[in-house]
Amino acid sequence: MTLRALAKDYANGVLGLQAYRKARDELIESILAGNTIVTAHNFQPPLKLQRAEVTPEFSNTQTGIAVNPVLRPSDSASAPAMETMESQDNATPARRGILFVFAAIIIILVIAVALYPFTQQKKSATDAASPATSPGAGALPDKQYSGGSSGGVILIKQFLRKTDWTDESLQQFMNTWQGLSAEERDAGLSSSSKTELANAIYRKLQEERIMQGLGDVQTSMDKQATLVAFAQQMGINDPRIVVKGTP
């Protein structure tokens, strides 16, 4: 009796569980005691499944039973790889779309950077070709301030930004001021620009009075008189704006 025969009898129901265990234990003890000689069996090595080929369906000539073709392990192993390739193929259009968007953005940025210097040159050329807008750059045409009530305000603010109090600059301002419409002049004198101009004239008078204290009396008196006359022409009545000192 061998272990294989005992297992076969147990599987076929010839031996019960307890009888099978008892016979197995006795056989193992006999083998260990040397009473039972164990012989080696030469089994055929297992087939290499990776080299198995798919065989067509055929009928056993002896039994007449149809045998299904055997799927090669290589085919079954390649199935997940095929699924992976199909998923990658499905993802390819989306990836291409993203790459196309990034490429378009990069191209637009490169074009914008390349055209930026040309736009700056064009802007500089336009600014150079346009007429000067400040009173000190030359006589301003009357039409620059005509057609609206803000011309007087603009002219005063531009004059104050220039801070040029020479006789020529004052005369130039007055010529342009007289060229404005009555509406534009009234708008300029009724705005806060009139107060800003009065304060600027007063600060200039103080500077001239300081110069007078340094010894240049006659020049300071003449300049003060010019500033006072300028304020009167502009309709500015400020008690601070007077000539001080002795010639």
C-alpha atoms as a PDB file:
ATOM      1  CA  MET A   1       0.000   0.000   0.000  1.00  0.00           C
ATOM      2  CA  THR A   2       1.314   3.472  -0.896  1.00  0.00           C
ATOM      3  CA  LEU A   3       0.283   6.979   0.132  1.00  0.00           C
ATOM      4  CA  ARG A   4      -1.050   7.567  -3.353  1.00  0.00           C
ATOM      5  CA  ALA A   5      -3.217   4.463  -3.138  1.00  0.00           C
ATOM      6  CA  LEU A   6      -4.524   5.551   0.287  1.00  0.00           C
ATOM      7  CA  ALA A   7      -5.378   9.002  -1.034  1.00  0.00           C
ATOM      8  CA  LYS A   8      -7.136   7.424  -4.035  1.00  0.00           C
ATOM      9  CA  ASP A   9      -9.191   5.114  -1.766  1.00  0.00           C
ATOM     10  CA  TYR A  10     -10.137   8.052   0.434  1.00  0.00           C
ATOM     11  CA  ALA A  11     -11.149  10.110  -2.602  1.00  0.00           C
ATOM     12  CA  ASN A  12     -13.262   7.217  -3.972  1.00  0.00           C
ATOM     13  CA  GLY A  13     -14.961   6.701  -0.585  1.00  0.00           C
ATOM     14  CA  VAL A  14     -13.426   3.333   0.080  1.00  0.00           C
ATOM     15  CA  LEU A  15     -11.802   4.637   3.279  1.00  0.00           C
ATOM     16  CA  GLY A  16     -13.314   7.010   5.754  1.00  0.00           C
ATOM     17  CA  LEU A  17     -11.456   9.952   7.217  1.00  0.00           C
ATOM     18  CA  GLN A  18     -10.424   8.223  10.415  1.00  0.00           C
ATOM     19  CA  ALA A  19      -9.424   5.019   8.626  1.00  0.00           C
ATOM     20  CA  TYR A  20      -7.446   7.009   6.036  1.00  0.00           C
ATOM     21  CA  ARG A  21      -5.562   8.946   8.723  1.00  0.00           C
ATOM     22  CA  LYS A  22      -4.775   5.786  10.692  1.00  0.00           C
ATOM     23  CA  ALA A  23      -3.501   3.916   7.627  1.00  0.00           C
ATOM     24  CA  ARG A  24      -1.469   6.929   6.521  1.00  0.00           C
ATOM     25  CA  ASP A  25       0.145   7.337   9.964  1.00  0.00           C
ATOM     26  CA  GLU A  26       1.032   3.645  10.104  1.00  0.00           C
ATOM     27  CA  LEU A  27       2.539   3.768   6.603  1.00  0.00           C
ATOM     28  CA  ILE A  28       4.630   6.849   7.431  1.00  0.00           C
ATOM     29  CA  GLU A  29       5.898   5.227  10.686  1.00  0.00           C
ATOM     30  CA  SER A  30       6.790   2.054   8.742  1.00  0.00           C
ATOM     31  CA  ILE A  31       8.719   4.093   6.154  1.00  0.00           C
ATOM     32  CA  LEU A  32      10.569   5.979   8.895  1.00  0.00           C
ATOM     33  CA  ALA A  33      11.382   2.714  10.703  1.00  0.00           C
ATOM     34  CA  GLY A  34      12.777   1.232   7.475  1.00  0.00           C
ATOM     35  CA  ASN A  35      10.216  -1.562   7.318  1.00  0.00           C
ATOM     36  CA  THR A  36       8.759  -0.218   4.096  1.00  0.00           C
ATOM     37  CA  ILE A  37      11.064   0.427   1.170  1.00  0.00           C
ATOM     38  CA  VAL A  38      10.344   3.547  -0.852  1.00  0.00           C
ATOM     39  CA  THR A  39      11.186   3.483  -4.562  1.00  0.00           C
ATOM     40  CA  ALA A  40      11.760   6.569  -6.695  1.00  0.00           C
ATOM     41  CA  HIS A  41       9.455   7.283  -9.639  1.00  0.00           C
ATOM     42  CA  ASN A  42      10.753   8.847 -12.842  1.00  0.00           C
ATOM     43  CA  PHE A  43       8.096  11.396 -13.834  1.00  0.00           C
ATOM     44  CA  GLN A  44       8.180  13.186 -17.173  1.00  0.00           C
ATOM     45  CA  PRO A  45       9.227  16.829 -16.856  1.00  0.00           C
ATOM     46  CA  PRO A  46       6.410  19.405 -17.319  1.00  0.00           C
ATOM     47  CA  LEU A  47       5.950  20.943 -20.744  1.00  0.00           C
ATOM     48  CA  LYS A  48       7.298  24.441 -21.302  1.00  0.00           C
ATOM     49  CA  LEU A  49       4.051  26.378 -21.514  1.00  0.00           C
ATOM     50  CA  GLN A  50       5.683  29.421 -23.031  1.00  0.00           C
ATOM     51  CA  ARG A  51       6.506  27.401 -26.151  1.00  0.00           C
ATOM     52  CA  ALA A  52       3.124  25.756 -26.458  1.00  0.00           C
ATOM     53  CA  GLU A  53       1.393  26.394 -29.763  1.00  0.00           C
ATOM     54  CA  VAL A  54      -2.285  26.723 -30.518  1.00  0.00           C
ATOM     55  CA  THR A  55      -3.509  23.403 -31.885  1.00  0.00           C
ATOM     56  CA  PRO A  56      -6.612  23.235 -34.016  1.00  0.00           C
ATOM     57  CA  GLU A  57      -9.694  21.464 -32.796  1.00  0.00           C
ATOM     58  CA  PHE A  58      -9.601  17.750 -33.626  1.00  0.00           C
ATOM     59  CA  SER A  59     -11.258  14.561 -32.577  1.00  0.00           C
ATOM     60  CA  ASN A  60      -9.403  11.850 -30.767  1.00  0.00           C
ATOM     61  CA  THR A  61      -9.311   8.898 -33.086  1.00  0.00           C
ATOM     62  CA  GLN A  62      -9.508   6.496 -30.190  1.00  0.00           C
ATOM     63  CA  THR A  63     -12.210   8.136 -28.031  1.00  0.00           C
ATOM     64  CA  GLY A  64     -13.957  10.303 -30.632  1.00  0.00           C
ATOM     65  CA  ILE A  65     -14.018  13.256 -28.176  1.00  0.00           C
ATOM     66  CA  ALA A  66     -13.515  16.710 -29.679  1.00  0.00           C
ATOM     67  CA  VAL A  67     -10.561  18.578 -28.243  1.00  0.00           C
ATOM     68  CA  ASN A  68     -10.627  22.418 -28.154  1.00  0.00           C
ATOM     69  CA  PRO A  69      -7.581  24.346 -29.319  1.00  0.00           C
ATOM     70  CA  VAL A  70      -5.130  25.318 -26.605  1.00  0.00           C
ATOM     71  CA  LEU A  71      -4.364  28.994 -26.201  1.00  0.00           C
ATOM     72  CA  ARG A  72      -0.655  29.702 -26.104  1.00  0.00           C
ATOM     73  CA  PRO A  73       0.545  31.425 -22.937  1.00  0.00           C
ATOM     74  CA  SER A  74       2.218  34.029 -25.092  1.00  0.00           C
ATOM     75  CA  ASP A  75      -1.197  34.973 -26.539  1.00  0.00           C
ATOM     76  CA  SER A  76      -2.784  35.252 -23.112  1.00  0.00           C
ATOM     77  CA  ALA A  77       0.140  37.322 -21.846  1.00  0.00           C
ATOM     78  CA  SER A  78      -0.094  39.667 -24.793  1.00  0.00           C
ATOM     79  CA  ALA A  79      -3.779  40.398 -24.176  1.00  0.00           C
ATOM     80  CA  PRO A  80      -3.143  42.970 -21.391  1.00  0.00           C
ATOM     81  CA  ALA A  81      -0.437  44.539 -23.532  1.00  0.00           C
ATOM     82  CA  MET A  82      -2.917  44.911 -26.417  1.00  0.00           C
ATOM     83  CA  GLU A  83      -5.437  46.517 -24.068  1.00  0.00           C
ATOM     84  CA  THR A  84      -2.744  48.935 -22.861  1.00  0.00           C
ATOM     85  CA  MET A  85      -1.844  49.839 -26.438  1.00  0.00           C
ATOM     86  CA  GLU A  86      -5.515  50.451 -27.272  1.00  0.00           C
ATOM     87  CA  SER A  87      -5.902  52.737 -24.226  1.00  0.00           C
ATOM     88  CA  GLN A  88      -2.773  54.597 -25.231  1.00  0.00           C
ATOM     89  CA  ASP A  89      -4.144  54.998 -28.763  1.00  0.00           C
ATOM     90  CA  ASN A  90      -7.387  56.400 -27.337  1.00  0.00           C
ATOM     91  CA  ALA A  91      -5.442  58.881 -25.198  1.00  0.00           C
ATOM     92  CA  THR A  92      -3.272  60.019 -28.112  1.00  0.00           C
ATOM     93  CA  PRO A  93      -5.795  62.564 -29.615  1.00  0.00           C
ATOM     94  CA  ALA A  94      -6.270  64.307 -26.243  1.00  0.00           C
ATOM     95  CA  ARG A  95      -2.501  64.470 -25.701  1.00  0.00           C
ATOM     96  CA  ARG A  96      -2.030  65.871 -29.171  1.00  0.00           C
ATOM     97  CA  GLY A  97      -4.691  68.508 -28.518  1.00  0.00           C
ATOM     98  CA  ILE A  98      -2.914  69.655 -25.336  1.00  0.00           C
ATOM     99  CA  LEU A  99       0.430  69.798 -27.114  1.00  0.00           C
ATOM    100  CA  PHE A 100      -1.137  71.821 -29.934  1.00  0.00           C
ATOM    101  CA  VAL A 101      -2.552  74.384 -27.475  1.00  0.00           C
ATOM    102  CA  PHE A 102       0.820  74.797 -25.731  1.00  0.00           C
ATOM    103  CA  ALA A 103       2.578  75.167 -29.081  1.00  0.00           C
ATOM    104  CA  ALA A 104       0.096  77.837 -30.175  1.00  0.00           C
ATOM    105  CA  ILE A 105       0.590  79.810 -26.952  1.00  0.00           C
ATOM    106  CA  ILE A 106       4.370  79.672 -27.312  1.00  0.00           C
ATOM    107  CA  ILE A 107       4.151  80.861 -30.935  1.00  0.00           C
ATOM    108  CA  ILE A 108       1.910  83.788 -29.957  1.00  0.00           C
ATOM    109  CA  LEU A 109       4.308  84.838 -27.184  1.00  0.00           C
ATOM    110  CA  VAL A 110       7.288  84.667 -29.536  1.00  0.00           C
ATOM    111  CA  ILE A 111       5.483  86.820 -32.120  1.00  0.00           C
ATOM    112  CA  ALA A 112       4.455  89.360 -29.448  1.00  0.00           C
ATOM    113  CA  VAL A 113       8.029  89.652 -28.160  1.00  0.00           C
ATOM    114  CA  ALA A 114       9.363  90.019 -31.699  1.00  0.00           C
ATOM    115  CA  LEU A 115       6.873  92.776 -32.600  1.00  0.00           C
ATOM    116  CA  TYR A 116       7.214  94.737 -29.345  1.00  0.00           C
ATOM    117  CA  PRO A 117      10.273  96.816 -30.424  1.00  0.00           C
ATOM    118  CA  PHE A 118       8.533  97.778 -33.680  1.00  0.00           C
ATOM    119  CA  THR A 119       5.445  99.003 -31.836  1.00  0.00           C
ATOM    120  CA  GLN A 120       7.603 101.087 -29.517  1.00  0.00           C
ATOM    121  CA  GLN A 121       9.430 102.637 -32.475  1.00  0.00           C
ATOM    122  CA  LYS A 122       6.140 103.451 -34.151  1.00  0.00           C
ATOM    123  CA  LYS A 123       4.838 105.053 -30.957  1.00  0.00           C
ATOM    124  CA  SER A 124       8.012 107.139 -30.589  1.00  0.00           C
ATOM    125  CA  ALA A 125       7.733 108.277 -34.195  1.00  0.00           C
ATOM    126  CA  THR A 126       4.090 109.267 -33.659  1.00  0.00           C
ATOM    127  CA  ASP A 127       4.948 111.240 -30.526  1.00  0.00           C
ATOM    128  CA  ALA A 128       7.793 113.003 -32.311  1.00  0.00           C
ATOM    129  CA  ALA A 129       5.546 113.932 -35.248  1.00  0.00           C
ATOM    130  CA  SER A 130       2.725 115.286 -33.056  1.00  0.00           C
ATOM    131  CA  PRO A 131       2.793 118.994 -32.134  1.00  0.00           C
ATOM    132  CA  ALA A 132       4.010 119.999 -28.689  1.00  0.00           C
ATOM    133  CA  THR A 133       1.253 120.340 -26.117  1.00  0.00           C
ATOM    134  CA  SER A 134       3.021 122.423 -23.473  1.00  0.00           C
ATOM    135  CA  PRO A 135       2.877 126.245 -23.673  1.00  0.00           C
ATOM    136  CA  GLY A 136       6.675 126.507 -23.340  1.00  0.00           C
ATOM    137  CA  ALA A 137       7.357 124.393 -26.424  1.00  0.00           C
ATOM    138  CA  GLY A 138       6.026 127.075 -28.764  1.00  0.00           C
ATOM    139  CA  ALA A 139       2.945 129.083 -29.453  1.00  0.00           C
ATOM    140  CA  LEU A 140      -0.063 126.817 -29.016  1.00  0.00           C
ATOM    141  CA  PRO A 141      -2.699 127.040 -31.751  1.00  0.00           C
ATOM    142  CA  ASP A 142      -6.038 128.333 -30.588  1.00  0.00           C
ATOM    143  CA  LYS A 143      -7.930 125.378 -32.032  1.00  0.00           C
ATOM    144  CA  GLN A 144      -6.172 123.041 -29.565  1.00  0.00           C
ATOM    145  CA  TYR A 145      -8.314 124.442 -26.750  1.00  0.00           C
ATOM    146  CA  SER A 146     -11.408 125.443 -28.701  1.00  0.00           C
ATOM    147  CA  GLY A 147     -14.606 123.451 -28.875  1.00  0.00           C
ATOM    148  CA  GLY A 148     -14.965 122.746 -25.147  1.00  0.00           C
ATOM    149  CA  SER A 149     -15.003 124.326 -21.689  1.00  0.00           C
ATOM    150  CA  SER A 150     -11.880 122.492 -20.427  1.00  0.00           C
ATOM    151  CA  GLY A 151      -9.371 124.453 -22.555  1.00  0.00           C
ATOM    152  CA  GLY A 152      -8.693 127.031 -19.829  1.00  0.00           C
ATOM    153  CA  VAL A 153      -8.147 124.391 -17.155  1.00  0.00           C
ATOM    154  CA  ILE A 154      -5.758 122.454 -19.390  1.00  0.00           C
ATOM    155  CA  LEU A 155      -3.742 125.557 -20.295  1.00  0.00           C
ATOM    156  CA  ILE A 156      -3.255 126.588 -16.636  1.00  0.00           C
ATOM    157  CA  LYS A 157      -2.239 123.083 -15.542  1.00  0.00           C
ATOM    158  CA  GLN A 158       0.271 122.763 -18.381  1.00  0.00           C
ATOM    159  CA  PHE A 159       1.788 126.126 -17.476  1.00  0.00           C
ATOM    160  CA  LEU A 160       2.158 125.163 -13.823  1.00  0.00           C
ATOM    161  CA  ARG A 161       3.820 121.857 -14.729  1.00  0.00           C
ATOM    162  CA  LYS A 162       6.393 123.687 -16.831  1.00  0.00           C
ATOM    163  CA  THR A 163       7.376 126.098 -13.996  1.00  0.00           C
ATOM    164  CA  ASP A 164       8.821 128.619 -16.478  1.00  0.00           C
ATOM    165  CA  TRP A 165       8.307 132.163 -15.128  1.00  0.00           C
ATOM    166  CA  THR A 166      10.357 134.096 -17.626  1.00  0.00           C
ATOM    167  CA  ASP A 167       8.826 137.162 -19.261  1.00  0.00           C
ATOM    168  CA  GLU A 168       8.688 135.346 -22.595  1.00  0.00           C
ATOM    169  CA  SER A 169       6.841 132.383 -21.066  1.00  0.00           C
ATOM    170  CA  LEU A 170       4.324 134.639 -19.323  1.00  0.00           C
ATOM    171  CA  GLN A 171       3.666 136.581 -22.530  1.00  0.00           C
ATOM    172  CA  GLN A 172       3.263 133.373 -24.493  1.00  0.00           C
ATOM    173  CA  PHE A 173       0.770 132.077 -21.958  1.00  0.00           C
ATOM    174  CA  MET A 174      -1.253 135.296 -22.130  1.00  0.00           C
ATOM    175  CA  ASN A 175      -1.351 135.193 -25.935  1.00  0.00           C
ATOM    176  CA  THR A 176      -2.713 131.663 -25.858  1.00  0.00           C
ATOM    177  CA  TRP A 177      -5.097 132.527 -23.039  1.00  0.00           C
ATOM    178  CA  GLN A 178      -6.567 135.418 -25.022  1.00  0.00           C
ATOM    179  CA  GLY A 179      -7.096 133.064 -27.943  1.00  0.00           C
ATOM    180  CA  LEU A 180      -9.476 130.915 -25.902  1.00  0.00           C
ATOM    181  CA  SER A 181     -13.206 131.406 -25.978  1.00  0.00           C
ATOM    182  CA  ALA A 182     -14.933 133.234 -23.154  1.00  0.00           C
ATOM    183  CA  GLU A 183     -16.465 129.950 -22.034  1.00  0.00           C
ATOM    184  CA  GLU A 184     -13.056 128.302 -21.779  1.00  0.00           C
ATOM    185  CA  ARG A 185     -11.532 131.192 -19.848  1.00  0.00           C
ATOM    186  CA  ASP A 186     -14.479 131.338 -17.432  1.00  0.00           C
ATOM    187  CA  ALA A 187     -14.231 127.570 -16.853  1.00  0.00           C
ATOM    188  CA  GLY A 188     -10.507 127.867 -16.072  1.00  0.00           C
ATOM    189  CA  LEU A 189     -11.008 130.744 -13.617  1.00  0.00           C
ATOM    190  CA  SER A 190     -13.936 129.066 -11.888  1.00  0.00           C
ATOM    191  CA  SER A 191     -12.007 125.828 -11.247  1.00  0.00           C
ATOM    192  CA  SER A 192      -9.406 124.949  -8.641  1.00  0.00           C
ATOM    193  CA  SER A 193      -6.738 125.689 -11.260  1.00  0.00           C
ATOM    194  CA  LYS A 194      -7.154 129.426 -10.522  1.00  0.00           C
ATOM    195  CA  THR A 195      -6.264 128.864  -6.850  1.00  0.00           C
ATOM    196  CA  GLU A 196      -3.277 126.724  -7.857  1.00  0.00           C
ATOM    197  CA  LEU A 197      -2.071 129.504 -10.166  1.00  0.00           C
ATOM    198  CA  ALA A 198      -2.477 132.145  -7.422  1.00  0.00           C
ATOM    199  CA  ASN A 199      -0.490 130.052  -4.948  1.00  0.00           C
ATOM    200  CA  ALA A 200       2.234 129.476  -7.531  1.00  0.00           C
ATOM    201  CA  ILE A 201       2.496 133.239  -8.224  1.00  0.00           C
ATOM    202  CA  TYR A 202       2.730 133.922  -4.478  1.00  0.00           C
ATOM    203  CA  ARG A 203       5.543 131.382  -4.034  1.00  0.00           C
ATOM    204  CA  LYS A 204       7.416 132.962  -6.933  1.00  0.00           C
ATOM    205  CA  LEU A 205       7.022 136.408  -5.305  1.00  0.00           C
ATOM    206  CA  GLN A 206       8.558 135.052  -2.103  1.00  0.00           C
ATOM    207  CA  GLU A 207      11.542 133.752  -4.063  1.00  0.00           C
ATOM    208  CA  GLU A 208      12.044 137.168  -5.633  1.00  0.00           C
ATOM    209  CA  ARG A 209      11.859 138.843  -2.215  1.00  0.00           C
ATOM    210  CA  ILE A 210      14.584 136.526  -0.971  1.00  0.00           C
ATOM    211  CA  MET A 211      16.704 137.537  -3.963  1.00  0.00           C
ATOM    212  CA  GLN A 212      16.037 141.155  -3.059  1.00  0.00           C
ATOM    213  CA  GLY A 213      17.467 140.567   0.393  1.00  0.00           C
ATOM    214  CA  LEU A 214      20.635 139.215  -1.229  1.00  0.00           C
ATOM    215  CA  GLY A 215      21.297 142.555  -2.900  1.00  0.00           C
ATOM    216  CA  ASP A 216      19.691 142.382  -6.363  1.00  0.00           C
ATOM    217  CA  VAL A 217      16.971 144.832  -5.408  1.00  0.00           C
ATOM    218  CA  GLN A 218      16.001 146.426  -8.739  1.00  0.00           C
ATOM    219  CA  THR A 219      15.790 143.118 -10.619  1.00  0.00           C
ATOM    220  CA  SER A 220      13.645 141.620  -7.835  1.00  0.00           C
ATOM    221  CA  MET A 221      11.299 144.649  -7.865  1.00  0.00           C
ATOM    222  CA  ASP A 222      10.848 144.425 -11.639  1.00  0.00           C
ATOM    223  CA  LYS A 223      10.110 140.715 -11.478  1.00  0.00           C
ATOM    224  CA  GLN A 224       7.602 141.220  -8.671  1.00  0.00           C
ATOM    225  CA  ALA A 225       5.848 143.882 -10.706  1.00  0.00           C
ATOM    226  CA  THR A 226       5.649 141.542 -13.699  1.00  0.00           C
ATOM    227  CA  LEU A 227       4.136 138.775 -11.575  1.00  0.00           C
ATOM    228  CA  VAL A 228       1.580 141.129 -10.007  1.00  0.00           C
ATOM    229  CA  ALA A 229       0.555 142.395 -13.451  1.00  0.00           C
ATOM    230  CA  PHE A 230       0.248 138.824 -14.682  1.00  0.00           C
ATOM    231  CA  ALA A 231      -2.056 137.967 -11.766  1.00  0.00           C
ATOM    232  CA  GLN A 232      -4.226 141.000 -12.457  1.00  0.00           C
ATOM    233  CA  GLN A 233      -4.545 140.060 -16.124  1.00  0.00           C
ATOM    234  CA  MET A 234      -5.716 136.626 -15.043  1.00  0.00           C
ATOM    235  CA  GLY A 235      -8.337 138.174 -12.759  1.00  0.00           C
ATOM    236  CA  ILE A 236      -6.641 137.013  -9.586  1.00  0.00           C
ATOM    237  CA  ASN A 237      -7.321 139.294  -6.629  1.00  0.00           C
ATOM    238  CA  ASP A 238      -5.162 137.990  -3.808  1.00  0.00           C
ATOM    239  CA  PRO A 239      -3.930 140.345  -1.048  1.00  0.00           C
ATOM    240  CA  ARG A 240      -0.718 138.343  -0.828  1.00  0.00           C
ATOM    241  CA  ILE A 241       0.229 139.151  -4.413  1.00  0.00           C
ATOM    242  CA  VAL A 242       1.767 142.628  -4.082  1.00  0.00           C
ATOM    243  CA  VAL A 243       5.151 144.227  -4.681  1.00  0.00           C
ATOM    244  CA  LYS A 244       7.194 144.524  -1.508  1.00  0.00           C
ATOM    245  CA  GLY A 245      10.486 146.274  -0.965  1.00  0.00           C
ATOM    246  CA  THR A 246      12.120 149.621  -1.748  1.00  0.00           C
ATOM    247  CA  PRO A 247      13.795 150.230  -5.122  1.00  0.00           C
END
